[in-house]
PDB file of N, CA and C in Angstrom:
ATOM      1  N   UNK A   1      12.776   2.702  26.107  1.00  0.00           N
ATOM      2  CA  UNK A   1      12.523   2.885  24.674  1.00  0.00           C
ATOM      3  C   UNK A   1      11.347   1.841  24.362  1.00  0.00           C
ATOM      4  N   UNK A   2      10.344   2.387  23.683  1.00  0.00           N
ATOM      5  CA  UNK A   2       9.272   1.563  23.316  1.00  0.00           C
ATOM      6  C   UNK A   2       9.470   0.908  21.975  1.00  0.00           C
ATOM      7  N   UNK A   3       8.592   0.035  21.547  1.00  0.00           N
ATOM      8  CA  UNK A   3       8.815  -0.718  20.229  1.00  0.00           C
ATOM      9  C   UNK A   3       8.774   0.178  19.012  1.00  0.00           C
ATOM     10  N   UNK A   4       8.004   1.207  19.014  1.00  0.00           N
ATOM     11  CA  UNK A   4       7.990   2.091  17.919  1.00  0.00           C
ATOM     12  C   UNK A   4       9.304   2.795  17.602  1.00  0.00           C
ATOM     13  N   UNK A   5       9.967   3.220  18.650  1.00  0.00           N
ATOM     14  CA  UNK A   5      11.187   3.989  18.629  1.00  0.00           C
ATOM     15  C   UNK A   5      12.407   3.108  18.272  1.00  0.00           C
ATOM     16  N   UNK A   6      12.316   1.766  18.382  1.00  0.00           N
ATOM     17  CA  UNK A   6      13.419   0.939  18.036  1.00  0.00           C
ATOM     18  C   UNK A   6      13.797   0.987  16.566  1.00  0.00           C
ATOM     19  N   UNK A   7      12.858   1.326  15.666  1.00  0.00           N
ATOM     20  CA  UNK A   7      13.053   1.318  14.174  1.00  0.00           C
ATOM     21  C   UNK A   7      13.429   2.729  13.688  1.00  0.00           C
ATOM     22  N   UNK A   8      13.359   3.707  14.502  1.00  0.00           N
ATOM     23  CA  UNK A   8      13.668   5.025  14.038  1.00  0.00           C
ATOM     24  C   UNK A   8      15.166   5.320  13.968  1.00  0.00           C
ATOM     25  N   UNK A   9      15.592   6.267  13.139  1.00  0.00           N
ATOM     26  CA  UNK A   9      16.989   6.624  13.090  1.00  0.00           C
ATOM     27  C   UNK A   9      17.517   7.051  14.407  1.00  0.00           C
ATOM     28  N   UNK A  10      18.850   6.866  14.667  1.00  0.00           N
ATOM     29  CA  UNK A  10      19.412   7.263  15.926  1.00  0.00           C
ATOM     30  C   UNK A  10      19.876   8.676  15.983  1.00  0.00           C
ATOM     31  N   UNK A  11      19.789   9.324  14.855  1.00  0.00           N
ATOM     32  CA  UNK A  11      20.177  10.752  14.848  1.00  0.00           C
ATOM     33  C   UNK A  11      19.321  11.623  15.842  1.00  0.00           C
ATOM     34  N   UNK A  12      20.015  12.309  16.793  1.00  0.00           N
ATOM     35  CA  UNK A  12      19.314  12.906  17.881  1.00  0.00           C
ATOM     36  C   UNK A  12      18.134  13.930  17.359  1.00  0.00           C
ATOM     37  N   UNK A  13      18.475  14.686  16.322  1.00  0.00           N
ATOM     38  CA  UNK A  13      17.509  15.625  15.895  1.00  0.00           C
ATOM     39  C   UNK A  13      16.244  14.945  15.361  1.00  0.00           C
ATOM     40  N   UNK A  14      16.350  13.825  14.690  1.00  0.00           N
ATOM     41  CA  UNK A  14      15.232  13.150  14.083  1.00  0.00           C
ATOM     42  C   UNK A  14      14.536  12.229  15.020  1.00  0.00           C
ATOM     43  N   UNK A  15      15.337  11.552  15.897  1.00  0.00           N
ATOM     44  CA  UNK A  15      14.778  10.586  16.813  1.00  0.00           C
ATOM     45  C   UNK A  15      14.086  11.138  18.016  1.00  0.00           C
ATOM     46  N   UNK A  16      14.222  12.445  18.206  1.00  0.00           N
ATOM     47  CA  UNK A  16      13.657  13.093  19.417  1.00  0.00           C
ATOM     48  C   UNK A  16      12.157  13.016  19.447  1.00  0.00           C
ATOM     49  N   UNK A  17      11.505  13.216  18.374  1.00  0.00           N
ATOM     50  CA  UNK A  17      10.068  13.211  18.353  1.00  0.00           C
ATOM     51  C   UNK A  17       9.545  12.755  16.975  1.00  0.00           C
ATOM     52  N   UNK A  18       8.697  11.796  16.910  1.00  0.00           N
ATOM     53  CA  UNK A  18       8.219  11.346  15.631  1.00  0.00           C
ATOM     54  C   UNK A  18       7.327  12.403  14.940  1.00  0.00           C
ATOM     55  N   UNK A  19       6.730  13.295  15.699  1.00  0.00           N
ATOM     56  CA  UNK A  19       5.951  14.395  15.093  1.00  0.00           C
ATOM     57  C   UNK A  19       6.730  15.344  14.355  1.00  0.00           C
ATOM     58  N   UNK A  20       7.995  15.468  14.641  1.00  0.00           N
ATOM     59  CA  UNK A  20       8.896  16.385  13.952  1.00  0.00           C
ATOM     60  C   UNK A  20       9.634  15.812  12.735  1.00  0.00           C
ATOM     61  N   UNK A  21       9.537  14.455  12.679  1.00  0.00           N
ATOM     62  CA  UNK A  21      10.213  13.750  11.529  1.00  0.00           C
ATOM     63  C   UNK A  21       9.399  13.916  10.293  1.00  0.00           C
ATOM     64  N   UNK A  22      10.129  13.774   9.157  1.00  0.00           N
ATOM     65  CA  UNK A  22       9.483  13.701   7.820  1.00  0.00           C
ATOM     66  C   UNK A  22       8.656  12.414   7.833  1.00  0.00           C
ATOM     67  N   UNK A  23       7.355  12.435   7.500  1.00  0.00           N
ATOM     68  CA  UNK A  23       6.537  11.214   7.557  1.00  0.00           C
ATOM     69  C   UNK A  23       7.089  10.088   6.681  1.00  0.00           C
ATOM     70  N   UNK A  24       7.511  10.366   5.472  1.00  0.00           N
ATOM     71  CA  UNK A  24       7.957   9.342   4.599  1.00  0.00           C
ATOM     72  C   UNK A  24       9.249   8.702   5.064  1.00  0.00           C
ATOM     73  N   UNK A  25      10.160   9.533   5.674  1.00  0.00           N
ATOM     74  CA  UNK A  25      11.390   8.953   6.346  1.00  0.00           C
ATOM     75  C   UNK A  25      11.057   8.029   7.449  1.00  0.00           C
ATOM     76  N   UNK A  26      10.005   8.419   8.246  1.00  0.00           N
ATOM     77  CA  UNK A  26       9.627   7.584   9.395  1.00  0.00           C
ATOM     78  C   UNK A  26       9.029   6.227   8.894  1.00  0.00           C
ATOM     79  N   UNK A  27       8.245   6.291   7.845  1.00  0.00           N
ATOM     80  CA  UNK A  27       7.665   5.027   7.288  1.00  0.00           C
ATOM     81  C   UNK A  27       8.774   4.124   6.669  1.00  0.00           C
ATOM     82  N   UNK A  28       9.664   4.759   5.905  1.00  0.00           N
ATOM     83  CA  UNK A  28      10.783   3.946   5.319  1.00  0.00           C
ATOM     84  C   UNK A  28      11.710   3.339   6.362  1.00  0.00           C
ATOM     85  N   UNK A  29      11.976   4.116   7.434  1.00  0.00           N
ATOM     86  CA  UNK A  29      12.855   3.648   8.486  1.00  0.00           C
ATOM     87  C   UNK A  29      12.190   2.443   9.245  1.00  0.00           C
ATOM     88  N   UNK A  30      10.931   2.572   9.482  1.00  0.00           N
ATOM     89  CA  UNK A  30      10.181   1.479  10.177  1.00  0.00           C
ATOM     90  C   UNK A  30      10.125   0.192   9.277  1.00  0.00           C
ATOM     91  N   UNK A  31       9.863   0.412   8.017  1.00  0.00           N
ATOM     92  CA  UNK A  31       9.807  -0.704   7.034  1.00  0.00           C
ATOM     93  C   UNK A  31      11.207  -1.385   7.014  1.00  0.00           C
ATOM     94  N   UNK A  32      12.213  -0.635   6.922  1.00  0.00           N
ATOM     95  CA  UNK A  32      13.597  -1.176   6.936  1.00  0.00           C
ATOM     96  C   UNK A  32      13.891  -1.984   8.116  1.00  0.00           C
ATOM     97  N   UNK A  33      13.418  -1.418   9.269  1.00  0.00           N
ATOM     98  CA  UNK A  33      13.655  -2.063  10.543  1.00  0.00           C
ATOM     99  C   UNK A  33      13.054  -3.455  10.680  1.00  0.00           C
ATOM    100  N   UNK A  34      11.846  -3.622  10.003  1.00  0.00           N
ATOM    101  CA  UNK A  34      11.191  -4.921  10.105  1.00  0.00           C
ATOM    102  C   UNK A  34      11.414  -5.759   8.804  1.00  0.00           C
ATOM    103  N   UNK A  35      12.240  -5.279   7.929  1.00  0.00           N
ATOM    104  CA  UNK A  35      12.599  -6.020   6.733  1.00  0.00           C
ATOM    105  C   UNK A  35      11.581  -6.008   5.579  1.00  0.00           C
ATOM    106  N   UNK A  36      10.813  -4.960   5.530  1.00  0.00           N
ATOM    107  CA  UNK A  36       9.751  -4.815   4.528  1.00  0.00           C
ATOM    108  C   UNK A  36      10.272  -3.953   3.368  1.00  0.00           C
ATOM    109  N   UNK A  37      10.100  -4.408   2.144  1.00  0.00           N
ATOM    110  CA  UNK A  37      10.557  -3.620   1.020  1.00  0.00           C
ATOM    111  C   UNK A  37       9.422  -2.834   0.505  1.00  0.00           C
ATOM    112  N   UNK A  38       9.538  -1.451   0.345  1.00  0.00           N
ATOM    113  CA  UNK A  38       8.511  -0.583  -0.068  1.00  0.00           C
ATOM    114  C   UNK A  38       8.882  -0.005  -1.366  1.00  0.00           C
ATOM    115  N   UNK A  39       7.881   0.358  -2.216  1.00  0.00           N
ATOM    116  CA  UNK A  39       8.087   1.069  -3.448  1.00  0.00           C
ATOM    117  C   UNK A  39       8.260   2.575  -3.208  1.00  0.00           C
ATOM    118  N   UNK A  40       8.662   3.287  -4.169  1.00  0.00           N
ATOM    119  CA  UNK A  40       8.698   4.733  -4.123  1.00  0.00           C
ATOM    120  C   UNK A  40       7.209   5.203  -4.270  1.00  0.00           C
ATOM    121  N   UNK A  41       6.895   6.343  -3.686  1.00  0.00           N
ATOM    122  CA  UNK A  41       5.433   6.832  -3.830  1.00  0.00           C
ATOM    123  C   UNK A  41       5.108   7.088  -5.260  1.00  0.00           C
ATOM    124  N   UNK A  42       3.877   6.791  -5.599  1.00  0.00           N
ATOM    125  CA  UNK A  42       3.411   6.974  -7.020  1.00  0.00           C
ATOM    126  C   UNK A  42       2.979   8.413  -7.099  1.00  0.00           C
ATOM    127  N   UNK A  43       3.591   9.252  -8.064  1.00  0.00           N
ATOM    128  CA  UNK A  43       3.205  10.602  -8.188  1.00  0.00           C
ATOM    129  C   UNK A  43       1.799  10.824  -8.665  1.00  0.00           C
ATOM    130  N   UNK A  44       1.176   9.868  -9.253  1.00  0.00           N
ATOM    131  CA  UNK A  44      -0.190   9.937  -9.768  1.00  0.00           C
ATOM    132  C   UNK A  44      -1.229   9.350  -8.813  1.00  0.00           C
ATOM    133  N   UNK A  45      -0.861   9.011  -7.599  1.00  0.00           N
ATOM    134  CA  UNK A  45      -1.741   8.408  -6.646  1.00  0.00           C
ATOM    135  C   UNK A  45      -2.849   9.342  -6.266  1.00  0.00           C
ATOM    136  N   UNK A  46      -4.086   8.815  -6.226  1.00  0.00           N
ATOM    137  CA  UNK A  46      -5.261   9.639  -5.917  1.00  0.00           C
ATOM    138  C   UNK A  46      -5.398   9.835  -4.441  1.00  0.00           C
ATOM    139  N   UNK A  47      -4.821   8.927  -3.669  1.00  0.00           N
ATOM    140  CA  UNK A  47      -4.963   9.032  -2.175  1.00  0.00           C
ATOM    141  C   UNK A  47      -3.952   9.952  -1.562  1.00  0.00           C
ATOM    142  N   UNK A  48      -2.653   9.799  -1.936  1.00  0.00           N
ATOM    143  CA  UNK A  48      -1.587  10.548  -1.197  1.00  0.00           C
ATOM    144  C   UNK A  48      -1.019  11.635  -2.087  1.00  0.00           C
ATOM    145  N   UNK A  49      -1.284  11.745  -3.374  1.00  0.00           N
ATOM    146  CA  UNK A  49      -0.867  12.691  -4.384  1.00  0.00           C
ATOM    147  C   UNK A  49       0.695  12.672  -4.412  1.00  0.00           C
ATOM    148  N   UNK A  50       1.320  11.517  -4.292  1.00  0.00           N
ATOM    149  CA  UNK A  50       2.740  11.372  -4.395  1.00  0.00           C
ATOM    150  C   UNK A  50       3.503  11.606  -3.119  1.00  0.00           C
ATOM    151  N   UNK A  51       2.837  11.900  -1.996  1.00  0.00           N
ATOM    152  CA  UNK A  51       3.595  12.095  -0.786  1.00  0.00           C
ATOM    153  C   UNK A  51       4.028  10.758  -0.091  1.00  0.00           C
ATOM    154  N   UNK A  52       3.290   9.671  -0.291  1.00  0.00           N
ATOM    155  CA  UNK A  52       3.594   8.440   0.347  1.00  0.00           C
ATOM    156  C   UNK A  52       2.864   8.201   1.560  1.00  0.00           C
ATOM    157  N   UNK A  53       2.230   9.184   2.178  1.00  0.00           N
ATOM    158  CA  UNK A  53       1.491   9.008   3.369  1.00  0.00           C
ATOM    159  C   UNK A  53       0.053   9.708   3.194  1.00  0.00           C
ATOM    160  N   UNK A  54      -0.938   9.199   3.948  1.00  0.00           N
ATOM    161  CA  UNK A  54      -2.260   9.744   3.848  1.00  0.00           C
ATOM    162  C   UNK A  54      -2.439  10.822   4.886  1.00  0.00           C
ATOM    163  N   UNK A  55      -1.955  10.599   6.063  1.00  0.00           N
ATOM    164  CA  UNK A  55      -2.110  11.504   7.151  1.00  0.00           C
ATOM    165  C   UNK A  55      -1.337  11.064   8.357  1.00  0.00           C
ATOM    166  N   UNK A  56      -1.686  11.572   9.541  1.00  0.00           N
ATOM    167  CA  UNK A  56      -1.072  11.104  10.800  1.00  0.00           C
ATOM    168  C   UNK A  56      -2.150  10.788  11.787  1.00  0.00           C
ATOM    169  N   UNK A  57      -1.771   9.807  12.685  1.00  0.00           N
ATOM    170  CA  UNK A  57      -2.660   9.551  13.803  1.00  0.00           C
ATOM    171  C   UNK A  57      -2.640  10.757  14.738  1.00  0.00           C
ATOM    172  N   UNK A  58      -3.776  11.197  15.217  1.00  0.00           N
ATOM    173  CA  UNK A  58      -3.879  12.424  16.041  1.00  0.00           C
ATOM    174  C   UNK A  58      -3.217  12.255  17.363  1.00  0.00           C
ATOM    175  N   UNK A  59      -3.336  11.099  17.981  1.00  0.00           N
ATOM    176  CA  UNK A  59      -2.822  10.976  19.325  1.00  0.00           C
ATOM    177  C   UNK A  59      -1.367  10.680  19.376  1.00  0.00           C
ATOM    178  N   UNK A  60      -0.837   9.903  18.429  1.00  0.00           N
ATOM    179  CA  UNK A  60       0.590   9.509  18.472  1.00  0.00           C
ATOM    180  C   UNK A  60       1.459  10.264  17.457  1.00  0.00           C
ATOM    181  N   UNK A  61       0.900  10.792  16.456  1.00  0.00           N
ATOM    182  CA  UNK A  61       1.623  11.536  15.413  1.00  0.00           C
ATOM    183  C   UNK A  61       2.277  10.564  14.399  1.00  0.00           C
ATOM    184  N   UNK A  62       1.966   9.299  14.410  1.00  0.00           N
ATOM    185  CA  UNK A  62       2.580   8.321  13.499  1.00  0.00           C
ATOM    186  C   UNK A  62       1.935   8.549  12.082  1.00  0.00           C
ATOM    187  N   UNK A  63       2.799   8.552  11.083  1.00  0.00           N
ATOM    188  CA  UNK A  63       2.213   8.743   9.659  1.00  0.00           C
ATOM    189  C   UNK A  63       1.509   7.432   9.281  1.00  0.00           C
ATOM    190  N   UNK A  64       0.435   7.626   8.474  1.00  0.00           N
ATOM    191  CA  UNK A  64      -0.340   6.503   7.884  1.00  0.00           C
ATOM    192  C   UNK A  64       0.177   6.267   6.490  1.00  0.00           C
ATOM    193  N   UNK A  65       0.775   5.123   6.145  1.00  0.00           N
ATOM    194  CA  UNK A  65       1.312   4.809   4.852  1.00  0.00           C
ATOM    195  C   UNK A  65       0.214   4.634   3.859  1.00  0.00           C
ATOM    196  N   UNK A  66       0.469   5.169   2.638  1.00  0.00           N
ATOM    197  CA  UNK A  66      -0.489   4.911   1.545  1.00  0.00           C
ATOM    198  C   UNK A  66      -0.290   3.577   0.954  1.00  0.00           C
ATOM    199  N   UNK A  67      -1.353   3.008   0.283  1.00  0.00           N
ATOM    200  CA  UNK A  67      -1.283   1.664  -0.326  1.00  0.00           C
ATOM    201  C   UNK A  67      -0.349   1.711  -1.533  1.00  0.00           C
ATOM    202  N   UNK A  68      -0.027   2.841  -2.060  1.00  0.00           N
ATOM    203  CA  UNK A  68       0.827   2.857  -3.338  1.00  0.00           C
ATOM    204  C   UNK A  68       2.306   2.533  -2.991  1.00  0.00           C
ATOM    205  N   UNK A  69       2.635   2.486  -1.655  1.00  0.00           N
ATOM    206  CA  UNK A  69       3.993   2.202  -1.278  1.00  0.00           C
ATOM    207  C   UNK A  69       4.282   0.651  -1.236  1.00  0.00           C
ATOM    208  N   UNK A  70       3.161  -0.144  -1.019  1.00  0.00           N
ATOM    209  CA  UNK A  70       3.314  -1.547  -0.855  1.00  0.00           C
ATOM    210  C   UNK A  70       3.399  -2.243  -2.220  1.00  0.00           C
ATOM    211  N   UNK A  71       4.220  -3.242  -2.411  1.00  0.00           N
ATOM    212  CA  UNK A  71       4.308  -3.891  -3.717  1.00  0.00           C
ATOM    213  C   UNK A  71       3.086  -4.720  -4.012  1.00  0.00           C
ATOM    214  N   UNK A  72       2.831  -4.797  -5.276  1.00  0.00           N
ATOM    215  CA  UNK A  72       1.627  -5.646  -5.744  1.00  0.00           C
ATOM    216  C   UNK A  72       2.071  -7.081  -5.917  1.00  0.00           C
ATOM    217  N   UNK A  73       1.375  -7.969  -5.338  1.00  0.00           N
ATOM    218  CA  UNK A  73       1.684  -9.388  -5.371  1.00  0.00           C
ATOM    219  C   UNK A  73       0.817 -10.114  -6.398  1.00  0.00           C
ATOM    220  N   UNK A  74       1.281 -11.167  -6.834  1.00  0.00           N
ATOM    221  CA  UNK A  74       0.655 -12.058  -7.845  1.00  0.00           C
ATOM    222  C   UNK A  74      -0.767 -12.481  -7.206  1.00  0.00           C
ATOM    223  N   UNK A  75      -1.771 -12.377  -7.946  1.00  0.00           N
ATOM    224  CA  UNK A  75      -3.131 -12.777  -7.411  1.00  0.00           C
ATOM    225  C   UNK A  75      -3.418 -14.238  -7.837  1.00  0.00           C
ATOM    226  N   UNK A  76      -4.439 -14.738  -7.240  1.00  0.00           N
ATOM    227  CA  UNK A  76      -4.808 -16.148  -7.526  1.00  0.00           C
ATOM    228  C   UNK A  76      -5.462 -16.300  -8.907  1.00  0.00           C
ATOM    229  N   UNK A  77      -5.940 -15.121  -9.444  1.00  0.00           N
ATOM    230  CA  UNK A  77      -6.574 -15.113 -10.757  1.00  0.00           C
ATOM    231  C   UNK A  77      -5.647 -15.616 -11.845  1.00  0.00           C
ATOM    232  N   UNK A  78      -4.377 -15.419 -11.738  1.00  0.00           N
ATOM    233  CA  UNK A  78      -3.368 -15.710 -12.767  1.00  0.00           C
ATOM    234  C   UNK A  78      -3.060 -17.222 -12.733  1.00  0.00           C
ATOM    235  N   UNK A  79      -3.641 -17.996 -11.811  1.00  0.00           N
ATOM    236  CA  UNK A  79      -3.300 -19.424 -11.787  1.00  0.00           C
ATOM    237  C   UNK A  79      -4.068 -20.270 -12.789  1.00  0.00           C
ATOM    238  N   UNK A  80      -4.990 -19.618 -13.512  1.00  0.00           N
ATOM    239  CA  UNK A  80      -5.744 -20.331 -14.479  1.00  0.00           C
ATOM    240  C   UNK A  80      -7.146 -20.704 -14.050  1.00  0.00           C
ATOM    241  N   UNK A  81      -7.589 -20.168 -12.934  1.00  0.00           N
ATOM    242  CA  UNK A  81      -8.938 -20.522 -12.556  1.00  0.00           C
ATOM    243  C   UNK A  81     -10.000 -19.816 -13.396  1.00  0.00           C
ATOM    244  N   UNK A  82     -11.215 -20.343 -13.462  1.00  0.00           N
ATOM    245  CA  UNK A  82     -12.302 -19.741 -14.229  1.00  0.00           C
ATOM    246  C   UNK A  82     -12.754 -18.460 -13.517  1.00  0.00           C
ATOM    247  N   UNK A  83     -12.808 -17.354 -14.269  1.00  0.00           N
ATOM    248  CA  UNK A  83     -13.269 -16.082 -13.621  1.00  0.00           C
ATOM    249  C   UNK A  83     -14.601 -15.741 -14.296  1.00  0.00           C
ATOM    250  N   UNK A  84     -15.599 -15.510 -13.549  1.00  0.00           N
ATOM    251  CA  UNK A  84     -16.921 -15.119 -14.174  1.00  0.00           C
ATOM    252  C   UNK A  84     -16.816 -13.621 -14.525  1.00  0.00           C
ATOM    253  N   UNK A  85     -17.556 -13.285 -15.662  1.00  0.00           N
ATOM    254  CA  UNK A  85     -17.600 -11.856 -15.985  1.00  0.00           C
ATOM    255  C   UNK A  85     -18.276 -11.020 -14.883  1.00  0.00           C
ATOM    256  N   UNK A  86     -17.907  -9.752 -14.845  1.00  0.00           N
ATOM    257  CA  UNK A  86     -18.293  -8.896 -13.769  1.00  0.00           C
ATOM    258  C   UNK A  86     -19.752  -8.438 -13.776  1.00  0.00           C
ATOM    259  N   UNK A  87     -20.296  -8.041 -14.936  1.00  0.00           N
ATOM    260  CA  UNK A  87     -21.596  -7.576 -14.938  1.00  0.00           C
ATOM    261  C   UNK A  87     -22.580  -8.433 -15.800  1.00  0.00           C
ATOM    262  N   UNK A  88     -23.850  -8.064 -15.735  1.00  0.00           N
ATOM    263  CA  UNK A  88     -24.913  -8.898 -16.380  1.00  0.00           C
ATOM    264  C   UNK A  88     -24.745  -8.973 -17.838  1.00  0.00           C
ATOM    265  N   UNK A  89     -24.375  -7.829 -18.519  1.00  0.00           N
ATOM    266  CA  UNK A  89     -24.194  -7.848 -20.016  1.00  0.00           C
ATOM    267  C   UNK A  89     -23.118  -8.817 -20.371  1.00  0.00           C
ATOM    268  N   UNK A  90     -22.000  -8.849 -19.619  1.00  0.00           N
ATOM    269  CA  UNK A  90     -20.890  -9.716 -19.985  1.00  0.00           C
ATOM    270  C   UNK A  90     -21.333 -11.196 -19.809  1.00  0.00           C
ATOM    271  N   UNK A  91     -22.088 -11.464 -18.694  1.00  0.00           N
ATOM    272  CA  UNK A  91     -22.541 -12.820 -18.479  1.00  0.00           C
ATOM    273  C   UNK A  91     -23.477 -13.286 -19.577  1.00  0.00           C
ATOM    274  N   UNK A  92     -24.380 -12.415 -20.028  1.00  0.00           N
ATOM    275  CA  UNK A  92     -25.275 -12.737 -21.118  1.00  0.00           C
ATOM    276  C   UNK A  92     -24.560 -13.016 -22.449  1.00  0.00           C
ATOM    277  N   UNK A  93     -23.541 -12.191 -22.686  1.00  0.00           N
ATOM    278  CA  UNK A  93     -22.771 -12.347 -23.952  1.00  0.00           C
ATOM    279  C   UNK A  93     -21.997 -13.690 -23.897  1.00  0.00           C
ATOM    280  N   UNK A  94     -21.443 -14.001 -22.793  1.00  0.00           N
ATOM    281  CA  UNK A  94     -20.758 -15.302 -22.672  1.00  0.00           C
ATOM    282  C   UNK A  94     -21.694 -16.466 -22.735  1.00  0.00           C
ATOM    283  N   UNK A  95     -22.844 -16.396 -22.188  1.00  0.00           N
ATOM    284  CA  UNK A  95     -23.856 -17.466 -22.260  1.00  0.00           C
ATOM    285  C   UNK A  95     -24.307 -17.625 -23.731  1.00  0.00           C
ATOM    286  N   UNK A  96     -24.497 -16.562 -24.509  1.00  0.00           N
ATOM    287  CA  UNK A  96     -24.966 -16.557 -25.784  1.00  0.00           C
ATOM    288  C   UNK A  96     -23.817 -17.219 -26.698  1.00  0.00           C
ATOM    289  N   UNK A  97     -22.590 -16.853 -26.437  1.00  0.00           N
ATOM    290  CA  UNK A  97     -21.440 -17.431 -27.153  1.00  0.00           C
ATOM    291  C   UNK A  97     -21.321 -18.895 -26.924  1.00  0.00           C
ATOM    292  N   UNK A  98     -21.577 -19.358 -25.620  1.00  0.00           N
ATOM    293  CA  UNK A  98     -21.432 -20.744 -25.287  1.00  0.00           C
ATOM    294  C   UNK A  98     -22.526 -21.553 -26.005  1.00  0.00           C
ATOM    295  N   UNK A  99     -23.733 -21.020 -26.149  1.00  0.00           N
ATOM    296  CA  UNK A  99     -24.802 -21.742 -26.884  1.00  0.00           C
ATOM    297  C   UNK A  99     -24.474 -21.846 -28.300  1.00  0.00           C
ATOM    298  N   UNK A 100     -23.913 -20.775 -28.877  1.00  0.00           N
ATOM    299  CA  UNK A 100     -23.622 -20.758 -30.300  1.00  0.00           C
ATOM    300  C   UNK A 100     -22.524 -21.795 -30.645  1.00  0.00           C
ATOM    301  N   UNK A 101     -21.533 -21.904 -29.729  1.00  0.00           N
ATOM    302  CA  UNK A 101     -20.382 -22.855 -29.973  1.00  0.00           C
ATOM    303  C   UNK A 101     -20.830 -24.295 -29.619  1.00  0.00           C
ATOM    304  N   UNK A 102     -21.790 -24.501 -28.976  1.00  0.00           N
ATOM    305  CA  UNK A 102     -22.259 -25.863 -28.755  1.00  0.00           C
ATOM    306  C   UNK A 102     -22.356 -26.196 -27.365  1.00  0.00           C
TER     307      UNK A 102
END
């Protein structure tokens, strides 16, 4: 038994071949096996259209998980660091406001 098959369900019909398994079930079973908590697929996702997977690897048949399944973590931006505006117009407006305030 190889490492990939260790996390798949033991049901004979589903564990026989990963190509015949439902892709979302295979992803969820593998995530549960390694202790990763996944979200439900987003029905409005532009990448997977709510399926939870983007496609399959051609040689192995493994499903490719969509990024909408993975939980969003707190970013470093919320720690209170100074964030520069994104475009030139915003930078100019901030500079003009800073000159006006002193």
